[in-house]
């Protein structure tokens, strides 16, 4: 389950940045997960709960995780139809050509976090 290592890295990045800004704890972390990012939101959340319980970084038992889902979207460069793809490489459902550009759905990033200097 690579979501454990992904969440560990998210917590390290957020904790280091929060400390640089004078925060003593992180209250909330927002993460964008695209439908085609190869990251399972449920597994990412499970990893978060595991590390939160351990008090890793500057998380505490009240720290929240908000996973923002980014839907997959593609556009055919031939007939210009937009559609929801099942895979990164796909055929256009309208013209059947493999000339499609993925517009969204691959994102995996920390969108933001909230913290405070209260213990």
Protein backbone atom coordinates (compact mmCIF):
# COMPACT_ATOMS: atom_id res chain seq x y z
CA UNK A 1 0.00 0.00 0.00
CA UNK A 2 1.97 3.00 -1.26
CA UNK A 3 -0.55 5.37 0.32
CA UNK A 4 1.27 4.86 3.65
CA UNK A 5 4.49 6.30 2.23
CA UNK A 6 2.57 9.05 0.41
CA UNK A 7 0.80 10.10 3.60
CA UNK A 8 4.04 9.94 5.58
CA UNK A 9 5.59 12.34 3.07
CA UNK A 10 2.56 14.66 3.19
CA UNK A 11 2.78 14.82 6.99
CA UNK A 12 6.52 15.52 6.87
CA UNK A 13 6.10 18.32 4.31
CA UNK A 14 3.18 19.94 6.14
CA UNK A 15 4.83 19.61 9.56
CA UNK A 16 8.11 21.15 8.38
CA UNK A 17 6.32 24.02 6.66
CA UNK A 18 4.01 24.61 9.62
CA UNK A 19 6.99 24.79 12.00
CA UNK A 20 8.67 27.31 9.69
CA UNK A 21 5.56 29.48 10.02
CA UNK A 22 5.47 29.20 13.82
CA UNK A 23 2.66 26.67 14.16
CA UNK A 24 2.81 24.14 16.95
CA UNK A 25 0.04 21.95 15.53
CA UNK A 26 -1.78 21.26 12.29
CA UNK A 27 -5.56 21.40 12.47
CA UNK A 28 -6.47 20.37 8.92
CA UNK A 29 -4.80 19.14 5.73
CA UNK A 30 -6.46 19.41 2.32
CA UNK A 31 -5.21 17.02 -0.36
CA UNK A 32 -6.35 16.83 -4.00
CA UNK A 33 -6.58 13.29 -5.37
CA UNK A 34 -7.37 12.78 -9.04
CA UNK A 35 -9.43 9.81 -10.14
CA UNK A 36 -6.56 8.67 -12.39
CA UNK A 37 -3.73 9.45 -9.94
CA UNK A 38 -3.26 5.82 -8.82
CA UNK A 39 -3.93 6.90 -5.23
CA UNK A 40 -6.79 5.28 -3.35
CA UNK A 41 -8.51 7.92 -1.20
CA UNK A 42 -9.75 5.35 1.34
CA UNK A 43 -6.25 3.91 1.78
CA UNK A 44 -4.79 7.43 2.07
CA UNK A 45 -7.34 8.22 4.76
CA UNK A 46 -6.54 4.99 6.60
CA UNK A 47 -2.84 5.88 6.55
CA UNK A 48 -3.67 9.36 7.86
CA UNK A 49 -5.66 7.92 10.80
CA UNK A 50 -2.79 5.56 11.58
CA UNK A 51 -0.19 8.37 11.67
CA UNK A 52 -2.54 10.76 13.47
CA UNK A 53 -3.03 8.19 16.22
CA UNK A 54 0.78 8.00 16.58
CA UNK A 55 0.99 11.80 16.83
CA UNK A 56 3.42 11.92 13.93
CA UNK A 57 4.81 15.34 13.03
CA UNK A 58 2.71 18.03 14.63
CA UNK A 59 -0.59 16.21 14.22
CA UNK A 60 -2.85 15.59 17.16
CA UNK A 61 -6.04 13.58 17.67
CA UNK A 62 -8.15 16.47 16.32
CA UNK A 63 -6.27 17.00 13.05
CA UNK A 64 -8.58 16.54 10.07
CA UNK A 65 -7.89 15.33 6.54
CA UNK A 66 -10.02 16.62 3.67
CA UNK A 67 -9.59 14.66 0.45
CA UNK A 68 -10.77 16.67 -2.52
CA UNK A 69 -11.59 14.39 -5.45
CA UNK A 70 -10.61 15.61 -8.92
CA UNK A 71 -12.74 13.94 -11.60
CA UNK A 72 -11.10 12.63 -14.74
CA UNK A 73 -11.83 14.57 -17.90
CA UNK A 74 -10.47 14.22 -21.43
CA UNK A 75 -10.92 15.98 -24.76
CA UNK A 76 -10.62 14.51 -28.22
CA UNK A 77 -8.21 16.56 -30.31
CA UNK A 78 -9.96 15.43 -33.50
CA UNK A 79 -13.69 15.96 -32.90
CA UNK A 80 -13.31 18.16 -29.76
CA UNK A 81 -15.76 16.15 -27.65
CA UNK A 82 -15.10 16.19 -23.88
CA UNK A 83 -15.74 13.01 -21.90
CA UNK A 84 -14.93 11.10 -18.72
CA UNK A 85 -12.17 8.57 -19.47
CA UNK A 86 -11.74 5.26 -17.67
CA UNK A 87 -7.98 5.21 -18.24
CA UNK A 88 -5.15 7.63 -19.03
CA UNK A 89 -4.90 6.32 -22.59
CA UNK A 90 -8.30 6.05 -24.17
CA UNK A 91 -10.21 6.15 -27.41
CA UNK A 92 -12.69 8.92 -28.11
CA UNK A 93 -16.23 7.65 -27.50
CA UNK A 94 -17.51 9.79 -30.41
CA UNK A 95 -15.04 9.25 -33.27
CA UNK A 96 -13.10 6.24 -31.93
CA UNK A 97 -9.67 7.79 -32.48
CA UNK A 98 -6.86 7.62 -29.89
CA UNK A 99 -6.18 11.36 -30.18
CA UNK A 100 -7.30 12.37 -26.68
CA UNK A 101 -5.79 14.80 -24.21
CA UNK A 102 -6.28 14.28 -20.49
CA UNK A 103 -7.55 17.56 -19.04
CA UNK A 104 -7.88 16.56 -15.37
CA UNK A 105 -7.79 13.62 -13.03
CA UNK A 106 -4.06 12.95 -12.56
CA UNK A 107 -3.46 15.46 -9.77
CA UNK A 108 -2.08 14.43 -6.42
CA UNK A 109 -0.98 17.32 -4.23
CA UNK A 110 -1.29 19.10 -0.94
CA UNK A 111 -3.77 21.89 -1.59
CA UNK A 112 -3.48 23.64 1.78
CA UNK A 113 -3.29 23.19 5.51
CA UNK A 114 -4.48 25.02 8.59
CA UNK A 115 -2.51 25.27 11.78
CA UNK A 116 -2.21 27.18 15.01
CA UNK A 117 0.35 28.04 17.64
CA UNK A 118 -1.89 26.87 20.49
CA UNK A 119 -0.93 23.68 22.29
